[in-house]
Protein backbone atom coordinates (compact mmCIF):
# COMPACT_ATOMS: atom_id res chain seq x y z
CA MET A 1 0.03 -0.03 -0.03
CA LYS A 2 2.74 2.37 0.89
CA ALA A 3 4.58 1.68 -2.38
CA THR A 4 1.43 2.28 -4.46
CA SER A 5 0.71 5.55 -2.64
CA ARG A 6 4.35 6.80 -3.27
CA ARG A 7 3.94 6.12 -6.98
CA VAL A 8 0.70 8.02 -7.00
CA ASP A 9 2.36 10.96 -5.32
CA LEU A 10 5.19 10.93 -7.75
CA ALA A 11 2.76 10.91 -10.67
CA TRP A 12 1.00 13.95 -9.31
CA VAL A 13 4.23 15.82 -8.89
CA ALA A 14 5.16 15.03 -12.51
CA ILE A 15 1.81 16.24 -13.66
CA VAL A 16 1.99 19.53 -11.74
CA ALA A 17 5.63 20.08 -12.86
CA ALA A 18 4.56 19.60 -16.56
CA ALA A 19 1.67 21.97 -16.11
CA LEU A 20 4.03 24.67 -14.70
CA LEU A 21 6.70 24.23 -17.37
CA LEU A 22 4.24 24.38 -20.41
CA PRO A 23 3.62 28.22 -20.33
CA VAL A 24 7.28 28.99 -19.96
CA SER A 25 8.10 26.82 -23.03
CA SER A 26 5.30 28.39 -25.13
CA GLN A 27 6.46 31.97 -24.34
CA ALA A 28 10.12 31.11 -25.27
CA GLN A 29 8.90 29.75 -28.56
CA ARG A 30 6.95 32.86 -29.20
CA MET A 31 9.90 35.14 -28.41
CA GLN A 32 12.07 33.03 -30.67
CA HIS A 33 9.74 33.48 -33.56
CA SER A 34 9.33 37.20 -33.05
CA ALA A 35 12.99 38.03 -32.66
CA PRO A 36 14.38 40.14 -35.67
CA LYS A 37 16.49 38.22 -38.17
CA ALA A 38 20.15 39.27 -38.41
CA ARG A 39 20.85 41.40 -41.54
CA ARG A 40 23.44 40.51 -44.06
CA PRO A 41 26.15 43.13 -44.35
CA GLU A 42 25.72 45.25 -47.45
CA ALA A 43 28.46 46.17 -49.80
CA ALA A 44 29.70 49.79 -49.27
CA LYS A 45 28.18 52.17 -51.83
CA PRO A 46 30.39 54.66 -53.56
CA SER A 47 30.23 58.18 -52.23
CA ALA A 48 28.36 60.84 -54.09
CA GLY A 49 31.50 62.36 -55.43
CA ARG A 50 32.70 59.12 -57.05
CA GLN A 51 31.25 56.71 -59.44
CA GLN A 52 32.20 53.18 -60.35
CA SER A 53 33.92 52.55 -63.58
CA ILE A 54 33.25 49.50 -65.83
CA ASN A 55 36.28 47.63 -64.61
CA GLY A 56 35.32 48.01 -60.99
CA GLY A 57 37.66 50.92 -60.18
CA ALA A 58 36.54 54.28 -58.93
CA GLN A 59 36.73 57.52 -60.87
CA LYS A 60 36.33 61.02 -59.66
CA SER A 61 33.28 62.72 -60.97
CA GLU A 62 33.82 66.00 -62.77
CA ALA A 63 31.53 68.96 -62.10
CA ARG A 64 29.92 70.24 -65.26
CA SER A 65 29.80 74.00 -65.83
CA VAL A 66 26.69 75.41 -67.47
CA PRO A 67 27.31 78.51 -69.57
CA LYS A 68 25.34 81.53 -68.47
CA ALA A 69 22.61 82.71 -70.76
CA PRO A 70 23.58 85.91 -72.58
CA SER A 71 22.09 89.04 -71.19
CA GLY A 72 20.00 91.42 -73.20
CA SER A 73 22.98 93.75 -73.70
CA ASP A 74 25.02 90.97 -75.44
CA ARG A 75 22.71 90.38 -78.23
CA SER A 76 24.51 90.52 -81.64
CA VAL A 77 23.22 91.26 -84.99
CA SER A 78 25.31 91.48 -88.12
CA LYS A 79 26.68 95.53 -91.73
CA GLY A 80 29.84 98.17 -92.22
CA PRO A 81 31.67 100.19 -94.76
CA GLY A 82 32.19 98.80 -98.18
CA GLY A 83 29.90 95.83 -97.55
CA LYS A 84 26.55 94.40 -96.53
CA GLY A 85 25.43 92.98 -93.30
CA SER A 86 24.31 91.03 -90.19
CA VAL A 87 24.13 92.22 -86.44
CA SER A 88 26.78 91.51 -83.74
CA GLY A 89 28.24 92.95 -80.63
CA LYS A 90 26.72 94.66 -77.65
CA LYS A 91 23.58 96.54 -78.16
CA PRO A 92 24.60 100.16 -78.97
CA SER A 93 23.33 103.06 -77.03
CA GLY A 94 23.09 106.71 -77.95
CA GLY A 95 22.39 107.85 -81.47
CA GLY A 96 20.62 105.97 -84.23
CA ASN A 97 21.88 102.66 -85.37
CA THR A 98 21.54 100.86 -88.68
CA ASN A 99 22.45 97.15 -88.57
CA ILE A 100 22.81 95.00 -91.65
CA GLY A 101 26.12 92.75 -92.13
CA ASN A 102 29.82 93.25 -90.96
CA LYS A 103 30.13 95.59 -87.99
CA VAL A 104 31.85 99.00 -88.43
CA ASN A 105 31.75 101.87 -85.99
CA ILE A 106 31.30 105.43 -87.17
CA ASP A 107 32.21 108.13 -84.79
CA ASN A 108 32.25 111.98 -85.09
CA SER A 109 31.69 114.92 -82.86
CA LYS A 110 28.05 115.12 -83.75
CA LYS A 111 26.82 111.53 -83.56
CA ASN A 112 27.96 108.03 -82.73
CA VAL A 113 26.48 105.57 -85.12
CA ASN A 114 27.01 101.93 -85.86
CA ILE A 115 26.63 101.00 -89.45
CA ASN A 116 27.11 97.39 -90.47
CA VAL A 117 27.84 96.41 -94.11
CA ASP A 118 28.18 92.93 -95.59
CA ASN A 119 31.04 92.39 -98.08
CA SER A 120 29.77 88.99 -99.20
CA LYS A 121 28.69 90.32 -102.58
CA ASP A 122 31.13 91.70 -105.04
CA ILE A 123 29.88 94.41 -107.44
CA ASN A 124 32.21 95.22 -110.32
CA VAL A 125 31.66 98.54 -111.98
CA ARG A 126 33.89 99.35 -114.94
CA ASN A 127 34.94 102.92 -114.46
CA SER A 128 38.69 103.39 -114.01
CA ARG A 129 38.28 107.15 -113.50
CA HIS A 130 37.10 106.47 -109.98
CA THR A 131 40.72 106.21 -108.81
CA VAL A 132 42.20 109.22 -110.76
CA VAL A 133 43.35 112.27 -108.81
CA ARG A 134 43.48 115.36 -110.99
CA PRO A 135 46.75 117.26 -110.50
CA SER A 136 46.72 120.40 -108.47
CA PRO A 137 46.18 123.69 -110.53
CA ARG A 138 48.56 125.46 -108.11
CA PRO A 139 52.38 124.84 -107.86
CA TYR A 140 53.54 123.20 -104.62
CA GLY A 141 55.54 125.43 -102.22
CA ARG A 142 57.01 122.61 -100.37
CA PRO A 143 58.92 119.43 -101.48
CA PRO A 144 57.03 116.12 -101.66
CA TYR A 145 57.37 113.34 -99.04
CA VAL A 146 59.28 110.59 -100.69
CA TYR A 147 59.08 106.98 -99.58
CA GLY A 148 58.98 103.58 -101.29
CA GLY A 149 59.60 104.92 -104.79
CA HIS A 150 56.74 107.42 -104.62
CA SER A 151 56.40 111.16 -104.09
CA TYR A 152 53.44 112.48 -102.05
CA TYR A 153 52.70 116.18 -102.81
CA CYS A 154 50.66 118.44 -100.51
CA HIS A 155 50.31 122.12 -100.03
CA GLY A 156 49.72 122.05 -96.30
CA PRO A 157 52.15 120.87 -93.62
CA TYR A 158 51.52 117.39 -92.23
CA TYR A 159 49.58 117.42 -88.94
CA TYR A 160 48.42 114.12 -87.64
CA HIS A 161 45.00 113.70 -86.12
CA PRO A 162 43.01 110.39 -85.80
CA TYR A 163 40.66 109.46 -88.54
CA HIS A 164 37.03 109.55 -87.30
CA PRO A 165 34.45 108.66 -90.06
CA TYR A 166 31.79 111.35 -90.41
CA TYR A 167 28.05 110.40 -90.33
CA TRP A 168 26.28 112.05 -93.19
CA GLY A 169 22.76 111.26 -91.98
CA PRO A 170 20.27 108.51 -92.45
CA VAL A 171 19.90 108.86 -96.30
CA TRP A 172 23.60 108.31 -96.90
CA HIS A 173 25.15 104.87 -97.01
CA PRO A 174 28.76 103.63 -97.41
CA TRP A 175 30.03 101.60 -100.28
CA GLY A 176 28.84 98.05 -100.13
CA PHE A 177 25.66 98.81 -98.20
CA PHE A 178 22.78 96.63 -99.38
CA VAL A 179 19.16 97.34 -99.57
CA ALA A 180 16.25 95.14 -100.89
CA THR A 181 14.29 98.06 -102.23
CA LEU A 182 14.73 101.72 -103.21
CA ALA A 183 12.71 104.77 -102.40
CA THR A 184 10.39 106.08 -105.11
CA THR A 185 12.59 109.17 -105.37
CA ALA A 186 15.44 107.02 -106.94
CA ILE A 187 16.27 107.81 -110.62
CA VAL A 188 18.00 105.68 -113.17
CA MET A 189 21.02 106.90 -115.07
CA THR A 190 23.55 105.18 -117.42
CA VAL A 191 27.31 106.10 -117.35
CA GLU A 192 29.69 104.19 -119.78
CA SER A 193 27.07 101.53 -120.50
CA GLN A 194 26.60 100.77 -116.82
CA GLN A 195 23.16 101.46 -115.30
CA TYR A 196 22.97 103.06 -111.87
CA HIS A 197 20.20 104.09 -109.52
CA TYR A 198 20.74 107.38 -107.76
CA ASP A 199 18.96 108.59 -104.67
CA GLN A 200 19.87 111.65 -102.47
CA GLY A 201 23.66 111.49 -102.98
CA VAL A 202 23.97 107.68 -103.10
CA TYR A 203 24.57 105.54 -106.13
CA TYR A 204 23.38 101.91 -106.38
CA VAL A 205 23.81 99.09 -108.75
CA ALA A 206 21.12 96.41 -109.02
CA GLY A 207 21.86 92.73 -108.47
CA ASN A 208 21.45 89.69 -106.20
CA GLY A 209 17.82 90.53 -105.27
CA GLY A 210 18.46 94.12 -104.31
CA TYR A 211 20.72 97.13 -104.65
CA THR A 212 24.28 97.71 -103.53
CA VAL A 213 25.94 101.09 -102.95
CA VAL A 214 28.93 101.77 -105.13
CA GLN A 215 31.38 104.72 -105.74
CA ALA A 216 29.87 107.57 -107.55
CA PRO A 217 30.66 107.10 -111.24
CA VAL A 218 32.72 109.98 -112.75
CA GLY A 219 30.58 111.64 -115.41
CA ALA A 220 27.25 111.13 -113.72
CA THR A 221 25.17 114.30 -113.77
CA ILE A 222 22.48 115.17 -111.35
CA THR A 223 20.21 118.31 -111.46
CA THR A 224 20.21 119.10 -107.70
CA LEU A 225 23.01 118.67 -105.14
CA PRO A 226 22.21 116.37 -102.19
CA GLN A 227 21.29 118.18 -99.01
CA GLY A 228 24.27 118.83 -96.81
CA SER A 229 26.76 119.30 -99.61
CA GLN A 230 29.73 121.57 -98.92
CA THR A 231 31.58 123.96 -101.16
CA VAL A 232 35.33 123.24 -101.39
CA ILE A 233 37.94 125.41 -103.14
CA VAL A 234 39.90 124.09 -106.10
CA ASN A 235 41.59 127.31 -107.04
CA GLU A 236 40.91 131.02 -107.08
CA THR A 237 38.26 130.71 -109.83
CA THR A 238 36.84 127.17 -109.36
CA ASN A 239 34.81 125.50 -106.64
CA ASN A 240 33.75 121.85 -106.21
CA TYR A 241 30.86 120.61 -104.26
CA TYR A 242 31.52 117.81 -101.79
CA TYR A 243 29.12 115.26 -100.27
CA GLY A 244 29.93 111.89 -98.67
CA GLY A 245 33.26 111.51 -100.30
CA THR A 246 32.02 112.56 -103.81
CA TYR A 247 32.99 115.68 -105.65
CA TYR A 248 30.80 117.55 -108.08
CA GLU A 249 31.46 120.31 -110.51
CA LYS A 250 28.90 122.74 -111.98
CA SER A 251 28.11 121.75 -115.59
CA SER A 252 25.56 122.73 -118.23
CA GLY A 253 23.26 119.86 -117.26
CA GLY A 254 23.54 120.50 -113.46
CA TYR A 255 26.32 118.99 -111.32
CA THR A 256 28.65 116.34 -112.70
CA VAL A 257 30.72 113.84 -110.65
CA VAL A 258 34.39 114.52 -111.01
CA ALA A 259 37.59 112.97 -109.67
CA PRO A 260 39.07 114.68 -106.67
CA THR A 261 41.59 117.42 -107.38
CA ALA A 262 44.93 117.28 -105.54
CA GLY A 263 45.26 120.12 -103.03
CA THR A 264 41.41 120.16 -102.32
CA VAL A 265 40.82 120.49 -98.55
CA VAL A 266 37.75 118.89 -96.84
CA GLU A 267 36.66 118.82 -93.28
CA SER A 268 35.34 115.25 -93.03
CA LEU A 269 35.80 111.83 -94.53
CA PRO A 270 33.05 109.24 -94.56
CA GLU A 271 33.09 105.70 -93.42
CA GLY A 272 35.08 103.36 -95.62
CA GLY A 273 38.48 104.97 -95.28
CA GLU A 274 41.57 103.51 -93.50
CA GLU A 275 44.65 104.97 -91.91
CA VAL A 276 47.75 103.83 -93.95
CA ARG A 277 51.21 104.25 -92.53
CA ILE A 278 53.73 105.19 -95.16
CA GLY A 279 57.21 105.59 -93.72
CA GLU A 280 56.78 108.18 -90.94
CA VAL A 281 53.59 109.65 -92.23
CA THR A 282 49.99 108.44 -91.68
CA TYR A 283 47.57 109.04 -94.47
CA VAL A 284 43.94 108.22 -94.83
CA LYS A 285 43.08 106.22 -97.88
CA TYR A 286 39.53 106.42 -99.12
CA GLY A 287 38.98 104.30 -102.19
CA GLU A 288 42.24 104.92 -104.08
CA THR A 289 42.64 108.52 -102.96
CA TYR A 290 45.12 109.51 -100.31
CA TYR A 291 44.36 112.23 -97.84
CA GLN A 292 46.88 113.85 -95.62
CA PRO A 293 45.75 115.14 -92.23
CA ILE A 294 46.43 118.83 -91.79
CA GLN A 295 45.33 121.66 -89.64
CA GLN A 296 43.82 124.81 -91.11
CA ASP A 297 42.84 127.77 -88.98
CA GLY A 298 43.11 125.54 -85.83
CA LYS A 299 40.68 123.01 -87.29
CA ASN A 300 41.50 119.44 -88.26
CA MET A 301 41.16 118.90 -91.97
CA TYR A 302 42.16 116.56 -94.85
CA GLU A 303 44.05 117.50 -98.11
CA VAL A 304 43.82 115.44 -101.33
CA VAL A 305 47.40 114.10 -101.95
CA GLN A 306 49.02 114.00 -105.42
CA VAL A 307 50.92 110.74 -105.60
CA GLU A 308 53.55 110.32 -108.30
CA GLU A 309 56.03 107.56 -108.99
CA LYS A 310 59.55 108.71 -108.32
CA LYS A 311 61.50 109.06 -111.51
CA GLY A 312 65.15 107.97 -111.87
């Protein structure tokens, strides 16, 4: 009896112990399932300043610079002396501006103007008298300046002053200036079998879908001088009339274009000239005519130079 009773007591102890251990085991299992899994180590990513190359190496990234957008004052358009045009450069300020092809600056004491001319079109006008300078009717009181096999005659003493092209107004245009149409005031004339269109002191030749300004043809006659013409003295008895680099002489039909006469003094030269250094003297060459800078009555002027090939 005693042995049986002991076995029964042990059985009850085992049952009670199992009952007590069951909740603990269940809680441990729940904690095991809910525990976070260990993460695998990730490969190190390249920094923002570096990028991987194809072969696995690292290269430094280069910062790209973005050009600034041009401001409104840097707009360019593209026209100038002896040519036709487009517009370029900073937007000019001040006086009126005409823009059409290669850029050229005109500056004088009255106005500052930009005139752009495009030289892409060549107009050939057969008139060799354009480049002839008529000899001076007065004897020279000073010896010529001799350099490079040529003699340069002038009545006045050399007095250098910078060449500043003169602005003759909105109706005047330099050689090479191109326009698509002409004003209704333009007239047609023929000189040495070449047809010209004339309007207010400017001569045009038709071609390439428009009209190009050319040198005034010697021999062309107009009935009225262009507004703004100046009287220049040739000698004691003869005057010429000067406008925009062109010389006129009174004739039976009106006023006829003539070649410049050596010794003639003018106050201003238009756009299209260039300073030319010959030895120690700087002349202004306009077309094929040389002008010597002089001073007359305290005023800067230009004298037409007589150029002769040195003999002997």
